[in-house]
Amino acid sequence: MFEHAEHLVLSSVQWLRLFVEAFGAAVICVGLLATLRVLWKKITIDRDTGFGEVRITFARYLTLALELQLAADILSTSVSPSWDQIGKLAAIAVIRTALNFFLTQEMREEDRAASAPASTRASA
């Protein structure tokens, strides 16, 4: 009975991990399409050479996808935690957290840069 319940839990977690990984990949795909749409608009309609908005659009999707992929890694390690897997998870978590941190920093800087000219124009 216990083995059956254990198998059911392990199987459920593996399916959940697979779903979260697939969802993360789908977020990247949707983000790429949204970014291409913004890029196309910038090139064809706005004739703008600044690509800050394009980079920020994709960065937002990547940030969400990184969080989802980290969640999938945590689920994977939770069902069969060997020291090797825990070490790999720690390394992946550090790398993804650093990437997420720098993406967030860049998004804030781009938002500040985008809002600064608008506030300068409003006060003039």
N, C-alpha and C. Protein backbone atom coordinates (compact mmCIF):
# COMPACT_ATOMS: atom_id res chain seq x y z
N MET A 1 0.82 -1.20 0.00
CA MET A 1 0.00 0.00 0.00
C MET A 1 0.86 1.26 0.00
N PHE A 2 1.87 1.30 0.88
CA PHE A 2 2.76 2.47 0.95
C PHE A 2 3.52 2.65 -0.35
N GLU A 3 3.97 1.55 -0.95
CA GLU A 3 4.71 1.64 -2.20
C GLU A 3 3.83 2.18 -3.32
N HIS A 4 2.57 1.81 -3.30
CA HIS A 4 1.65 2.32 -4.31
C HIS A 4 1.46 3.84 -4.15
N ALA A 5 1.28 4.28 -2.92
CA ALA A 5 1.11 5.71 -2.66
C ALA A 5 2.39 6.48 -3.03
N GLU A 6 3.54 5.91 -2.70
CA GLU A 6 4.81 6.54 -3.04
C GLU A 6 4.96 6.66 -4.56
N HIS A 7 4.62 5.60 -5.26
CA HIS A 7 4.69 5.62 -6.72
C HIS A 7 3.74 6.67 -7.30
N LEU A 8 2.56 6.79 -6.72
CA LEU A 8 1.58 7.77 -7.18
C LEU A 8 2.10 9.19 -6.98
N VAL A 9 2.70 9.47 -5.83
CA VAL A 9 3.25 10.80 -5.55
C VAL A 9 4.41 11.10 -6.50
N LEU A 10 5.33 10.15 -6.65
CA LEU A 10 6.47 10.36 -7.56
C LEU A 10 6.01 10.60 -8.99
N SER A 11 5.06 9.82 -9.42
CA SER A 11 4.53 9.98 -10.77
C SER A 11 3.86 11.34 -10.94
N SER A 12 3.09 11.75 -9.96
CA SER A 12 2.40 13.04 -10.02
C SER A 12 3.40 14.20 -10.07
N VAL A 13 4.43 14.11 -9.26
CA VAL A 13 5.44 15.17 -9.25
C VAL A 13 6.19 15.23 -10.58
N GLN A 14 6.48 14.07 -11.16
CA GLN A 14 7.16 14.06 -12.45
C GLN A 14 6.29 14.67 -13.54
N TRP A 15 5.00 14.38 -13.52
CA TRP A 15 4.09 14.98 -14.50
C TRP A 15 4.00 16.49 -14.29
N LEU A 16 3.94 16.90 -13.03
CA LEU A 16 3.90 18.33 -12.73
C LEU A 16 5.17 19.02 -13.20
N ARG A 17 6.32 18.40 -12.97
CA ARG A 17 7.60 18.94 -13.42
C ARG A 17 7.61 19.10 -14.93
N LEU A 18 7.13 18.08 -15.63
CA LEU A 18 7.07 18.14 -17.08
C LEU A 18 6.16 19.28 -17.55
N PHE A 19 5.02 19.44 -16.89
CA PHE A 19 4.11 20.53 -17.24
C PHE A 19 4.75 21.89 -17.01
N VAL A 20 5.42 22.06 -15.87
CA VAL A 20 6.04 23.35 -15.56
C VAL A 20 7.16 23.65 -16.56
N GLU A 21 7.97 22.64 -16.92
CA GLU A 21 9.01 22.84 -17.92
C GLU A 21 8.42 23.23 -19.28
N ALA A 22 7.36 22.54 -19.67
CA ALA A 22 6.71 22.85 -20.95
C ALA A 22 6.11 24.25 -20.93
N PHE A 23 5.53 24.61 -19.81
CA PHE A 23 4.96 25.95 -19.68
C PHE A 23 6.05 27.01 -19.77
N GLY A 24 7.20 26.75 -19.15
CA GLY A 24 8.33 27.67 -19.24
C GLY A 24 8.80 27.83 -20.68
N ALA A 25 8.87 26.73 -21.41
CA ALA A 25 9.26 26.79 -22.82
C ALA A 25 8.22 27.55 -23.63
N ALA A 26 6.95 27.36 -23.32
CA ALA A 26 5.88 28.08 -24.02
C ALA A 26 5.97 29.58 -23.75
N VAL A 27 6.31 29.95 -22.53
CA VAL A 27 6.47 31.36 -22.18
C VAL A 27 7.59 31.98 -23.02
N ILE A 28 8.68 31.25 -23.19
CA ILE A 28 9.78 31.75 -24.02
C ILE A 28 9.31 31.92 -25.47
N CYS A 29 8.57 30.96 -25.97
CA CYS A 29 8.06 31.03 -27.34
C CYS A 29 7.13 32.22 -27.52
N VAL A 30 6.20 32.41 -26.61
CA VAL A 30 5.28 33.55 -26.67
C VAL A 30 6.06 34.85 -26.55
N GLY A 31 7.05 34.86 -25.67
CA GLY A 31 7.89 36.05 -25.51
C GLY A 31 8.65 36.39 -26.77
N LEU A 32 9.14 35.38 -27.44
CA LEU A 32 9.85 35.61 -28.70
C LEU A 32 8.90 36.21 -29.74
N LEU A 33 7.70 35.68 -29.84
CA LEU A 33 6.72 36.23 -30.79
C LEU A 33 6.35 37.67 -30.44
N ALA A 34 6.14 37.94 -29.16
CA ALA A 34 5.81 39.31 -28.74
C ALA A 34 6.97 40.25 -29.02
N THR A 35 8.18 39.78 -28.79
CA THR A 35 9.36 40.60 -29.04
C THR A 35 9.52 40.88 -30.54
N LEU A 36 9.29 39.86 -31.35
CA LEU A 36 9.38 40.08 -32.80
C LEU A 36 8.32 41.07 -33.27
N ARG A 37 7.15 41.03 -32.67
CA ARG A 37 6.10 41.99 -33.02
C ARG A 37 6.53 43.42 -32.67
N VAL A 38 7.10 43.60 -31.47
CA VAL A 38 7.57 44.93 -31.05
C VAL A 38 8.71 45.39 -31.95
N LEU A 39 9.62 44.48 -32.27
CA LEU A 39 10.74 44.81 -33.15
C LEU A 39 10.24 45.22 -34.53
N TRP A 40 9.30 44.47 -35.07
CA TRP A 40 8.75 44.78 -36.39
C TRP A 40 8.10 46.17 -36.39
N LYS A 41 7.37 46.45 -35.31
CA LYS A 41 6.72 47.77 -35.20
C LYS A 41 7.77 48.87 -35.13
N LYS A 42 8.81 48.66 -34.36
CA LYS A 42 9.87 49.67 -34.23
C LYS A 42 10.55 49.93 -35.57
N ILE A 43 10.80 48.88 -36.30
CA ILE A 43 11.53 49.03 -37.57
C ILE A 43 10.65 49.64 -38.65
N THR A 44 9.42 49.15 -38.77
CA THR A 44 8.58 49.55 -39.90
C THR A 44 7.75 50.81 -39.64
N ILE A 45 7.15 50.92 -38.47
CA ILE A 45 6.23 52.02 -38.20
C ILE A 45 6.95 53.20 -37.54
N ASP A 46 7.64 52.93 -36.44
CA ASP A 46 8.25 54.00 -35.67
C ASP A 46 9.57 54.49 -36.28
N ARG A 47 10.22 53.63 -37.05
CA ARG A 47 11.55 53.93 -37.60
C ARG A 47 12.51 54.34 -36.48
N ASP A 48 12.35 53.69 -35.35
CA ASP A 48 13.13 53.98 -34.16
C ASP A 48 14.38 53.10 -34.15
N THR A 49 15.52 53.70 -33.77
CA THR A 49 16.75 52.91 -33.71
C THR A 49 17.04 52.41 -32.31
N GLY A 50 16.31 52.90 -31.31
CA GLY A 50 16.50 52.42 -29.95
C GLY A 50 15.76 51.11 -29.73
N PHE A 51 16.46 50.14 -29.21
CA PHE A 51 15.85 48.83 -29.04
C PHE A 51 15.61 48.47 -27.57
N GLY A 52 15.57 49.48 -26.71
CA GLY A 52 15.33 49.25 -25.29
C GLY A 52 14.01 48.56 -25.03
N GLU A 53 12.96 49.01 -25.69
CA GLU A 53 11.64 48.42 -25.51
C GLU A 53 11.62 46.96 -25.97
N VAL A 54 12.35 46.67 -27.04
CA VAL A 54 12.43 45.30 -27.55
C VAL A 54 13.11 44.40 -26.52
N ARG A 55 14.23 44.87 -25.99
CA ARG A 55 14.97 44.09 -25.00
C ARG A 55 14.16 43.88 -23.72
N ILE A 56 13.47 44.91 -23.29
CA ILE A 56 12.65 44.82 -22.08
C ILE A 56 11.50 43.85 -22.27
N THR A 57 10.89 43.88 -23.44
CA THR A 57 9.78 42.95 -23.72
C THR A 57 10.25 41.51 -23.56
N PHE A 58 11.37 41.19 -24.18
CA PHE A 58 11.87 39.82 -24.10
C PHE A 58 12.36 39.49 -22.69
N ALA A 59 12.98 40.45 -22.02
CA ALA A 59 13.49 40.22 -20.67
C ALA A 59 12.37 39.85 -19.70
N ARG A 60 11.23 40.47 -19.86
CA ARG A 60 10.09 40.16 -18.97
C ARG A 60 9.64 38.71 -19.13
N TYR A 61 9.58 38.26 -20.36
CA TYR A 61 9.20 36.86 -20.59
C TYR A 61 10.28 35.90 -20.10
N LEU A 62 11.54 36.27 -20.33
CA LEU A 62 12.63 35.40 -19.88
C LEU A 62 12.66 35.28 -18.36
N THR A 63 12.37 36.37 -17.68
CA THR A 63 12.35 36.34 -16.22
C THR A 63 11.31 35.34 -15.71
N LEU A 64 10.12 35.39 -16.29
CA LEU A 64 9.08 34.43 -15.89
C LEU A 64 9.50 33.00 -16.24
N ALA A 65 10.06 32.81 -17.42
CA ALA A 65 10.48 31.47 -17.84
C ALA A 65 11.58 30.93 -16.93
N LEU A 66 12.51 31.78 -16.51
CA LEU A 66 13.57 31.34 -15.59
C LEU A 66 12.97 30.87 -14.27
N GLU A 67 11.99 31.60 -13.77
CA GLU A 67 11.34 31.19 -12.52
C GLU A 67 10.65 29.84 -12.68
N LEU A 68 9.99 29.64 -13.80
CA LEU A 68 9.30 28.36 -14.03
C LEU A 68 10.30 27.21 -14.17
N GLN A 69 11.40 27.43 -14.87
CA GLN A 69 12.40 26.38 -15.03
C GLN A 69 13.05 26.04 -13.69
N LEU A 70 13.29 27.04 -12.87
CA LEU A 70 13.83 26.78 -11.53
C LEU A 70 12.84 25.96 -10.70
N ALA A 71 11.56 26.29 -10.81
CA ALA A 71 10.53 25.52 -10.10
C ALA A 71 10.52 24.07 -10.57
N ALA A 72 10.69 23.86 -11.85
CA ALA A 72 10.74 22.49 -12.39
C ALA A 72 11.95 21.74 -11.85
N ASP A 73 13.08 22.42 -11.75
CA ASP A 73 14.28 21.78 -11.19
C ASP A 73 14.08 21.42 -9.72
N ILE A 74 13.43 22.28 -8.98
CA ILE A 74 13.16 22.00 -7.57
C ILE A 74 12.24 20.79 -7.44
N LEU A 75 11.21 20.72 -8.28
CA LEU A 75 10.32 19.55 -8.26
C LEU A 75 11.09 18.27 -8.59
N SER A 76 11.95 18.34 -9.57
CA SER A 76 12.73 17.17 -9.97
C SER A 76 13.63 16.69 -8.84
N THR A 77 14.25 17.61 -8.16
CA THR A 77 15.14 17.24 -7.06
C THR A 77 14.37 16.77 -5.83
N SER A 78 13.16 17.25 -5.66
CA SER A 78 12.40 16.89 -4.46
C SER A 78 12.01 15.42 -4.43
N VAL A 79 11.91 14.77 -5.58
CA VAL A 79 11.49 13.38 -5.59
C VAL A 79 12.65 12.39 -5.49
N SER A 80 13.83 12.81 -5.88
CA SER A 80 14.98 11.89 -5.79
C SER A 80 16.24 12.69 -5.48
N PRO A 81 16.35 13.16 -4.24
CA PRO A 81 17.47 14.05 -3.91
C PRO A 81 18.78 13.31 -3.62
N SER A 82 19.61 13.17 -4.62
CA SER A 82 20.97 12.69 -4.37
C SER A 82 21.86 13.92 -4.20
N TRP A 83 23.04 13.73 -3.62
CA TRP A 83 23.94 14.86 -3.42
C TRP A 83 24.36 15.47 -4.75
N ASP A 84 24.49 14.63 -5.75
CA ASP A 84 24.85 15.13 -7.07
C ASP A 84 23.75 16.03 -7.62
N GLN A 85 22.50 15.60 -7.50
CA GLN A 85 21.37 16.40 -7.98
C GLN A 85 21.21 17.68 -7.17
N ILE A 86 21.43 17.59 -5.87
CA ILE A 86 21.33 18.78 -5.03
C ILE A 86 22.41 19.80 -5.41
N GLY A 87 23.61 19.32 -5.69
CA GLY A 87 24.69 20.22 -6.13
C GLY A 87 24.37 20.87 -7.46
N LYS A 88 23.85 20.07 -8.39
CA LYS A 88 23.46 20.63 -9.69
C LYS A 88 22.34 21.66 -9.53
N LEU A 89 21.36 21.35 -8.68
CA LEU A 89 20.27 22.28 -8.44
C LEU A 89 20.80 23.58 -7.85
N ALA A 90 21.71 23.47 -6.90
CA ALA A 90 22.27 24.68 -6.29
C ALA A 90 22.98 25.53 -7.34
N ALA A 91 23.77 24.90 -8.19
CA ALA A 91 24.48 25.64 -9.25
C ALA A 91 23.49 26.29 -10.21
N ILE A 92 22.48 25.54 -10.62
CA ILE A 92 21.47 26.07 -11.54
C ILE A 92 20.71 27.21 -10.87
N ALA A 93 20.37 27.05 -9.60
CA ALA A 93 19.62 28.09 -8.89
C ALA A 93 20.44 29.37 -8.79
N VAL A 94 21.73 29.25 -8.52
CA VAL A 94 22.59 30.44 -8.44
C VAL A 94 22.66 31.13 -9.80
N ILE A 95 22.88 30.36 -10.85
CA ILE A 95 22.98 30.94 -12.20
C ILE A 95 21.67 31.60 -12.60
N ARG A 96 20.56 30.92 -12.38
CA ARG A 96 19.27 31.49 -12.78
C ARG A 96 18.89 32.69 -11.92
N THR A 97 19.24 32.65 -10.65
CA THR A 97 18.96 33.79 -9.78
C THR A 97 19.78 35.00 -10.22
N ALA A 98 21.04 34.77 -10.56
CA ALA A 98 21.89 35.87 -11.04
C ALA A 98 21.35 36.43 -12.36
N LEU A 99 20.97 35.55 -13.27
CA LEU A 99 20.39 36.02 -14.53
C LEU A 99 19.13 36.82 -14.29
N ASN A 100 18.29 36.31 -13.42
CA ASN A 100 17.04 37.00 -13.10
C ASN A 100 17.33 38.37 -12.47
N PHE A 101 18.32 38.42 -11.58
CA PHE A 101 18.69 39.68 -10.93
C PHE A 101 19.13 40.71 -11.97
N PHE A 102 20.02 40.30 -12.87
CA PHE A 102 20.53 41.23 -13.86
C PHE A 102 19.47 41.63 -14.88
N LEU A 103 18.59 40.70 -15.24
CA LEU A 103 17.48 41.06 -16.12
C LEU A 103 16.56 42.08 -15.45
N THR A 104 16.29 41.89 -14.18
CA THR A 104 15.44 42.83 -13.45
C THR A 104 16.10 44.19 -13.35
N GLN A 105 17.40 44.21 -13.07
CA GLN A 105 18.14 45.47 -13.02
C GLN A 105 18.05 46.21 -14.35
N GLU A 106 18.25 45.46 -15.42
CA GLU A 106 18.21 46.06 -16.76
C GLU A 106 16.82 46.59 -17.07
N MET A 107 15.79 45.86 -16.68
CA MET A 107 14.42 46.33 -16.92
C MET A 107 14.16 47.62 -16.15
N ARG A 108 14.63 47.71 -14.92
CA ARG A 108 14.44 48.94 -14.13
C ARG A 108 15.16 50.12 -14.78
N GLU A 109 16.39 49.89 -15.22
CA GLU A 109 17.15 50.96 -15.86
C GLU A 109 16.48 51.42 -17.15
N GLU A 110 15.98 50.48 -17.92
CA GLU A 110 15.28 50.84 -19.16
C GLU A 110 13.99 51.60 -18.87
N ASP A 111 13.27 51.18 -17.83
CA ASP A 111 12.05 51.88 -17.45
C ASP A 111 12.36 53.31 -17.00
N ARG A 112 13.44 53.47 -16.21
CA ARG A 112 13.84 54.81 -15.79
C ARG A 112 14.25 55.66 -16.99
N ALA A 113 15.00 55.07 -17.90
CA ALA A 113 15.44 55.82 -19.09
C ALA A 113 14.25 56.19 -19.96
N ALA A 114 13.28 55.32 -20.05
CA ALA A 114 12.09 55.61 -20.87
C ALA A 114 11.22 56.68 -20.23
N SER A 115 11.15 56.69 -18.91
CA SER A 115 10.28 57.67 -18.23
C SER A 115 10.98 59.01 -18.02
N ALA A 116 12.29 59.05 -18.02
CA ALA A 116 13.02 60.30 -17.80
C ALA A 116 12.73 61.34 -18.88
N PRO A 117 12.81 61.00 -20.17
CA PRO A 117 12.51 62.02 -21.18
C PRO A 117 11.07 62.51 -21.11
N ALA A 118 10.15 61.65 -20.75
CA ALA A 118 8.74 62.05 -20.65
C ALA A 118 8.56 63.06 -19.52
N SER A 119 9.20 62.85 -18.38
CA SER A 119 9.08 63.78 -17.27
C SER A 119 9.81 65.07 -17.57
N THR A 120 10.91 65.00 -18.31
CA THR A 120 11.64 66.20 -18.70
C THR A 120 10.79 67.05 -19.64
N ARG A 121 10.10 66.39 -20.57
CA ARG A 121 9.23 67.10 -21.51
C ARG A 121 8.04 67.72 -20.78
N ALA A 122 7.51 67.03 -19.79
CA ALA A 122 6.33 67.52 -19.08
C ALA A 122 6.65 68.77 -18.27
N SER A 123 7.86 68.85 -17.70
CA SER A 123 8.22 69.99 -16.88
C SER A 123 8.67 71.18 -17.72
N ALA A 124 9.01 70.96 -18.98
CA ALA A 124 9.51 72.06 -19.82
C ALA A 124 8.41 72.91 -20.38
